[in-house]
Every structure is written in structure tokens, then in C-alpha cells.
Protein backbone atom coordinates (compact mmCIF):
# COMPACT_ATOMS: atom_id res chain seq x y z
CA MET A 1 -15.72 -94.97 -64.92
CA SER A 2 -14.48 -95.67 -68.38
CA VAL A 3 -10.86 -96.10 -67.13
CA ALA A 4 -9.13 -96.75 -63.91
CA ARG A 5 -7.47 -93.56 -62.44
CA ILE A 6 -5.36 -92.35 -59.57
CA TYR A 7 -4.16 -88.69 -58.78
CA HIS A 8 -7.07 -87.27 -60.82
CA THR A 9 -9.45 -84.54 -59.82
CA ALA A 10 -13.24 -84.44 -59.26
CA SER A 11 -15.30 -81.24 -59.45
CA THR A 12 -18.90 -80.61 -58.75
CA LEU A 13 -20.62 -78.61 -61.48
CA ALA A 14 -23.56 -76.22 -61.11
CA ASN A 15 -25.92 -78.75 -62.78
CA GLY A 16 -25.09 -81.26 -60.11
CA SER A 17 -22.84 -83.41 -62.34
CA VAL A 18 -19.34 -84.38 -61.27
CA LEU A 19 -16.46 -83.75 -63.70
CA VAL A 20 -13.48 -86.21 -63.32
CA ALA A 21 -10.37 -85.25 -65.21
CA GLY A 22 -6.96 -86.72 -65.91
CA GLY A 23 -5.07 -89.05 -63.64
CA TYR A 24 -2.64 -91.93 -63.89
CA ASN A 25 -2.96 -95.77 -64.21
CA GLY A 26 0.54 -97.02 -63.32
CA THR A 27 1.62 -96.79 -66.95
CA GLY A 28 0.87 -93.33 -68.11
CA SER A 29 -1.21 -90.22 -67.61
CA PHE A 30 -4.58 -89.42 -69.09
CA ASN A 31 -6.10 -86.41 -70.80
CA SER A 32 -9.50 -88.03 -70.71
CA ALA A 33 -12.52 -86.65 -68.71
CA GLU A 34 -15.98 -87.98 -67.81
CA LEU A 35 -19.13 -86.84 -66.10
CA TYR A 36 -21.15 -88.45 -63.43
CA ASN A 37 -24.92 -87.82 -63.41
CA SER A 38 -26.13 -88.17 -59.86
CA SER A 39 -29.76 -88.22 -61.01
CA THR A 40 -29.26 -91.36 -63.31
CA GLY A 41 -26.21 -92.79 -61.66
CA ASN A 42 -24.52 -93.00 -65.06
CA TRP A 43 -21.06 -92.05 -66.35
CA THR A 44 -20.58 -90.45 -69.79
CA THR A 45 -17.42 -89.37 -71.42
CA THR A 46 -16.80 -85.73 -72.36
CA ALA A 47 -14.06 -83.99 -74.32
CA ASN A 48 -10.43 -84.72 -73.53
CA MET A 49 -8.14 -82.00 -72.07
CA SER A 50 -5.48 -80.80 -74.44
CA VAL A 51 -2.71 -82.24 -72.24
CA ALA A 52 -2.55 -85.45 -70.27
CA ARG A 53 -1.90 -84.73 -66.58
CA TYR A 54 -2.02 -85.96 -63.00
CA TYR A 55 -1.26 -84.30 -59.66
CA HIS A 56 -2.98 -81.12 -61.15
CA THR A 57 -5.65 -79.01 -59.52
CA ALA A 58 -9.20 -78.25 -60.53
CA SER A 59 -11.20 -75.24 -59.43
CA THR A 60 -14.84 -74.46 -60.20
CA LEU A 61 -15.18 -70.78 -61.05
CA ALA A 62 -18.13 -68.51 -60.31
CA ASN A 63 -19.16 -68.70 -64.04
CA GLY A 64 -19.50 -72.41 -63.70
CA LYS A 65 -16.43 -73.33 -65.67
CA VAL A 66 -13.58 -75.51 -64.33
CA LEU A 67 -9.95 -74.31 -64.32
CA VAL A 68 -7.26 -77.07 -64.43
CA THR A 69 -3.66 -76.13 -63.65
CA GLY A 70 -0.27 -77.76 -63.78
CA GLY A 71 0.47 -81.26 -62.77
CA TYR A 72 2.69 -83.97 -64.37
CA GLY A 73 2.49 -85.21 -67.96
CA SER A 74 4.57 -86.98 -70.55
CA SER A 75 6.73 -83.90 -71.00
CA GLY A 76 7.30 -83.54 -67.21
CA ILE A 77 5.93 -80.98 -64.83
CA LEU A 78 3.42 -78.62 -66.52
CA ASN A 79 2.73 -74.86 -66.46
CA SER A 80 -0.18 -75.10 -68.78
CA ALA A 81 -3.86 -74.39 -67.75
CA GLU A 82 -7.18 -75.00 -69.43
CA LEU A 83 -10.92 -74.38 -68.89
CA TYR A 84 -13.80 -76.81 -69.14
CA ASN A 85 -17.07 -75.31 -70.26
CA PRO A 86 -20.07 -77.48 -69.07
CA SER A 87 -22.37 -75.72 -71.52
CA THR A 88 -20.41 -76.80 -74.55
CA GLY A 89 -18.55 -79.80 -73.08
CA ALA A 90 -15.29 -78.39 -74.58
CA TRP A 91 -11.89 -77.55 -73.12
CA ILE A 92 -9.91 -74.42 -74.10
CA THR A 93 -6.38 -73.55 -73.14
CA LYS A 94 -6.08 -70.48 -70.81
CA GLY A 95 -2.47 -69.39 -71.03
CA SER A 96 0.23 -70.71 -68.88
CA MET A 97 1.41 -70.08 -65.33
CA SER A 98 4.80 -68.42 -64.91
CA ILE A 99 6.35 -71.74 -63.80
CA ALA A 100 5.57 -75.49 -63.99
CA ARG A 101 3.92 -76.71 -60.78
CA ILE A 102 3.08 -80.02 -59.14
CA TYR A 103 1.79 -80.67 -55.55
CA HIS A 104 0.57 -77.05 -55.59
CA THR A 105 -2.69 -75.54 -54.29
CA ALA A 106 -5.35 -73.55 -56.01
CA SER A 107 -7.84 -71.52 -53.91
CA THR A 108 -10.95 -69.59 -55.12
CA LEU A 109 -10.90 -66.16 -53.40
CA ALA A 110 -13.95 -64.07 -52.47
CA ASN A 111 -13.16 -61.71 -55.39
CA GLY A 112 -13.27 -64.62 -57.82
CA LEU A 113 -9.68 -64.91 -58.56
CA ILE A 114 -7.88 -68.18 -58.26
CA LEU A 115 -4.73 -68.12 -56.09
CA VAL A 116 -2.17 -70.77 -57.05
CA THR A 117 0.64 -71.38 -54.59
CA GLY A 118 3.90 -73.31 -54.49
CA GLY A 119 4.52 -76.67 -56.06
CA SER A 120 7.96 -75.87 -57.41
CA ASP A 121 9.15 -72.67 -55.63
CA SER A 122 7.91 -69.93 -53.29
CA THR A 123 5.98 -67.90 -55.96
CA ALA A 124 2.17 -67.54 -56.14
CA GLU A 125 0.00 -66.28 -58.98
CA LEU A 126 -3.47 -65.23 -59.64
CA TYR A 127 -5.88 -66.33 -62.49
CA ASN A 128 -8.50 -63.70 -63.48
CA SER A 129 -11.35 -65.58 -65.19
CA SER A 130 -12.94 -62.31 -66.44
CA ILE A 131 -9.99 -61.54 -68.73
CA GLY A 132 -8.22 -64.90 -68.72
CA ASN A 133 -4.94 -63.57 -67.52
CA TRP A 134 -2.32 -64.82 -65.04
CA THR A 135 -0.40 -62.32 -62.78
CA ILE A 136 2.26 -62.97 -60.10
CA ALA A 137 1.00 -62.68 -56.54
CA GLY A 138 4.19 -62.22 -54.67
CA SER A 139 6.32 -64.89 -53.07
CA MET A 140 5.88 -66.91 -49.83
CA SER A 141 8.68 -66.96 -47.33
CA PHE A 142 9.43 -70.57 -48.25
CA ALA A 143 9.22 -72.70 -51.34
CA ARG A 144 6.82 -75.51 -50.61
CA ALA A 145 4.99 -78.50 -52.11
CA GLY A 146 2.55 -80.85 -50.47
CA HIS A 147 1.19 -77.98 -48.37
CA THR A 148 -2.32 -76.91 -47.71
CA ALA A 149 -4.17 -73.56 -48.40
CA SER A 150 -7.29 -72.55 -46.48
CA ILE A 151 -9.51 -69.54 -47.04
CA LEU A 152 -10.34 -68.10 -43.60
CA ALA A 153 -13.52 -66.22 -42.62
CA ASN A 154 -11.67 -62.95 -42.83
CA GLY A 155 -10.70 -63.57 -46.45
CA LEU A 156 -7.01 -64.26 -45.76
CA VAL A 157 -5.50 -67.48 -47.10
CA LEU A 158 -3.56 -69.69 -44.55
CA VAL A 159 -0.87 -71.80 -46.08
CA THR A 160 0.64 -74.46 -43.90
CA GLY A 161 3.63 -76.96 -43.97
CA GLY A 162 4.82 -78.88 -47.01
CA HIS A 163 8.39 -79.66 -48.06
CA ASN A 164 11.18 -78.21 -50.25
CA SER A 165 14.82 -79.01 -50.97
CA GLY A 166 15.71 -77.93 -47.50
CA GLY A 167 13.41 -80.51 -45.85
CA TYR A 168 9.99 -80.56 -44.20
CA LEU A 169 8.20 -77.45 -42.90
CA ASN A 170 6.17 -76.45 -39.88
CA SER A 171 5.95 -72.80 -41.01
CA ALA A 172 2.66 -71.11 -41.86
CA GLU A 173 1.91 -67.87 -43.63
CA LEU A 174 -0.97 -65.72 -44.74
CA TYR A 175 -1.98 -64.16 -48.00
CA ASN A 176 -4.03 -60.98 -47.97
CA PRO A 177 -5.97 -60.58 -51.18
CA SER A 178 -6.74 -56.87 -50.46
CA THR A 179 -3.04 -55.95 -50.25
CA GLY A 180 -1.44 -58.75 -52.20
CA ASN A 181 1.06 -59.25 -49.26
CA TRP A 182 2.34 -62.34 -47.64
CA THR A 183 3.08 -62.33 -43.90
CA THR A 184 4.34 -65.15 -41.63
CA THR A 185 2.19 -66.36 -38.75
CA ALA A 186 2.91 -68.79 -35.98
CA SER A 187 4.43 -72.10 -36.88
CA MET A 188 2.82 -75.54 -36.18
CA SER A 189 4.07 -77.70 -33.40
CA VAL A 190 5.55 -80.16 -35.91
CA THR A 191 6.70 -80.35 -39.54
CA ARG A 192 4.21 -82.00 -41.83
CA TYR A 193 3.30 -82.45 -45.47
CA TYR A 194 0.52 -84.36 -47.33
CA HIS A 195 -1.64 -83.47 -44.33
CA THR A 196 -5.21 -81.92 -44.47
CA ALA A 197 -6.53 -78.63 -43.30
CA SER A 198 -10.20 -78.17 -42.47
CA ILE A 199 -12.07 -74.98 -41.58
CA LEU A 200 -14.38 -75.77 -38.67
CA ALA A 201 -17.72 -74.00 -37.96
CA ASN A 202 -16.12 -71.99 -35.18
CA GLY A 203 -13.57 -70.59 -37.60
CA LEU A 204 -10.63 -72.63 -36.37
CA VAL A 205 -8.49 -74.54 -38.84
CA LEU A 206 -7.93 -78.20 -38.00
CA VAL A 207 -4.73 -79.64 -39.42
CA SER A 208 -4.35 -83.42 -39.24
CA GLY A 209 -1.79 -86.08 -39.98
CA GLY A 210 0.74 -85.94 -42.67
CA THR A 211 4.45 -86.97 -42.67
CA ASP A 212 7.48 -85.48 -41.05
CA SER A 213 11.22 -86.07 -41.63
CA SER A 214 11.05 -89.51 -39.94
CA ASP A 215 7.51 -90.88 -39.70
CA TYR A 216 3.81 -90.76 -40.43
CA LEU A 217 1.86 -88.54 -38.04
CA ASN A 218 -1.36 -89.04 -36.01
CA SER A 219 -1.13 -85.65 -34.38
CA ALA A 220 -3.62 -82.78 -35.00
CA GLU A 221 -3.57 -79.08 -34.12
CA LEU A 222 -5.92 -76.03 -34.39
CA TYR A 223 -5.05 -72.54 -35.76
CA ASN A 224 -7.07 -69.62 -34.32
CA PRO A 225 -7.19 -66.71 -36.84
CA LEU A 226 -8.20 -64.31 -34.09
CA THR A 227 -5.08 -64.90 -32.05
CA SER A 228 -2.76 -66.23 -34.80
CA THR A 229 -1.81 -69.16 -32.54
CA TRP A 230 -1.77 -73.01 -32.76
CA THR A 231 -2.90 -75.39 -30.05
CA THR A 232 -2.63 -79.17 -30.14
CA THR A 233 -5.74 -81.20 -30.04
CA GLY A 234 -6.51 -85.01 -29.71
CA ASN A 235 -4.52 -87.38 -31.81
CA MET A 236 -6.12 -89.48 -34.57
CA SER A 237 -6.24 -93.18 -33.76
CA VAL A 238 -4.09 -94.03 -36.81
CA ALA A 239 -1.15 -92.20 -38.31
CA ARG A 240 -1.79 -91.27 -41.90
CA ASP A 241 -0.84 -89.04 -44.80
CA SER A 242 -2.42 -88.43 -48.26
CA HIS A 243 -5.88 -88.91 -46.64
CA THR A 244 -9.08 -86.81 -47.08
CA ALA A 245 -10.90 -84.69 -44.54
CA SER A 246 -14.51 -83.72 -45.14
CA ILE A 247 -16.71 -81.25 -43.11
CA LEU A 248 -20.13 -82.99 -42.41
CA ALA A 249 -23.43 -81.15 -41.96
CA ASN A 250 -23.26 -81.76 -38.26
CA GLY A 251 -19.94 -79.96 -38.02
CA GLN A 252 -17.81 -83.02 -37.44
CA VAL A 253 -14.84 -83.82 -39.68
CA LEU A 254 -14.63 -87.28 -41.39
CA VAL A 255 -10.98 -88.34 -41.99
CA ALA A 256 -10.69 -91.38 -44.38
CA GLY A 257 -8.07 -93.54 -45.88
CA GLY A 258 -4.43 -92.54 -46.65
CA GLN A 259 -1.32 -94.40 -46.02
CA ASN A 260 1.25 -95.13 -43.37
CA SER A 261 4.15 -97.53 -42.75
CA GLY A 262 1.67 -100.40 -42.70
CA GLY A 263 0.47 -99.70 -46.21
CA TYR A 264 -2.73 -98.20 -47.72
CA LEU A 265 -5.63 -97.61 -45.20
CA ASN A 266 -9.34 -98.12 -45.28
CA SER A 267 -9.96 -96.82 -41.81
CA ALA A 268 -11.91 -93.73 -41.08
CA GLU A 269 -12.46 -91.60 -38.01
CA LEU A 270 -14.43 -88.58 -36.85
CA TYR A 271 -13.29 -85.39 -35.15
């Protein structure tokens, strides 16, 4: 890429290109963005975002545009949002969220709305790309950051773990897009944040790793949407947080990287 970056986002566009936006280099945040062309293997710069940011989210919308929300910039935690248009290569601001957010989540619902949760408090809000408006989507039972949000086969959104000023969380809750209501569901066996959540082919949600109040975790557990229960499953070989988890074509889950008390990791394992 044209610059070194960490805490940036990468979004796959409809034309197959990958949009990389923002990030941090140890000195400051970026507003720059660039495109990777998988056909040629080349990187090209594209228009800059209006605001430098990292720890933001990026969501590809049904119309092919990319919505970037929140994060951290030179002025602190951000509530701004902007849209990238692949057809024009330009960014346009798209209103502001009700509050500034960092370590939040952004989920694309079946109805095309983007659900943004947590990051600073318990509130959630929805972005409607058809009219460009933000609306409040109720409040979770707990404020949480560093949590996960997973869209289940039944359309509900499962939010798990995270942390807030009161400590680390093992709680989980569900958002129903049809009613706009939040309801609590069974809690995980342990508190965790900076973990991953992966939806398996059988509909179960695999939660792995993270950090609790005292240590990095190698434990994993499964959420069953049909019974609203958690069951523990095999442990990873290495405790880790801030890792990635990718569903492969064969149904396995590839966990890679992260960190633990020994430092940054290059190890990977399969579930």
C-alpha cells in the first residue's frame, strides 16, 4: 500500500476491488484510502475521507457504496459518518450518529439498514441508505465496547460480551429488526472482549478467545439460536485476543494472529 496502516478497514466492492480506508501508523491517524485490484495485483490511491480515523467500521451497502462510521481521530472519538461511491471515487458525508463511538459494531440487516451498536454506551442506531437518515434503535441492557454482533439465520442480531466502565461482560442479547426490541438471552460461560464470533453452516455461533478481567482466553463456546443456550467446545491451542476468524468454503473456521501475554502472534488454527 502507499502507507503503513493499522486499525484500518478493508471492504470488498461489487467490482471485486478492495477499498482500504483510514488507520494509524504510530504517529497519527489517516484519512487516505486506496484500492486493490485483484485482477492486476496493483494498488491505486482514491479520494481521501473527510476525516482521519481509525478503529472505525466500514459496511458495504446493497447499492455498492461503503458506509464508514465513527472511530478515533485528531479531535477524539467521532460521531461522523461518510459514504464512498465506487462509481465516482468520491466520499460524501452522511450525517452524524447520535453519539461518538469507538470499538462499536456495524451490521447490515436483511432489510438493508445498518445497525450500529455500542462503543460508548448502550444505545444502538440505524442508518437508512435510501434516505440517508440515522434513527435510534433502542438500547441494549448494557453499555459495551469490544463486543461482537452476528446476524443469525432468523434475522435476529446476537450481541455478545465486551466491556464497559463496570468491567468485562459475559452477557448476550438479541435485536429483533421486525419489532425494534432488544431482549436478553443466556450469558456466555465466561466474560470476554476482543473475541470473535463466527456463524457456522449449521446455524450455531462460535465464539472464540478474547480477554477477561485477568488473562487472555483460549476457550470457545457455541450459541444455539433454536434453544437460546451456550455450550462449551474445544479450546484453541493458543490463548489470543484481537485475532481474526474466517469461515472457509469447507465449513471450517480459520483463526489467525492476535496477541497474548507473550506478544503478537503469527500462529493460526482451524476449528
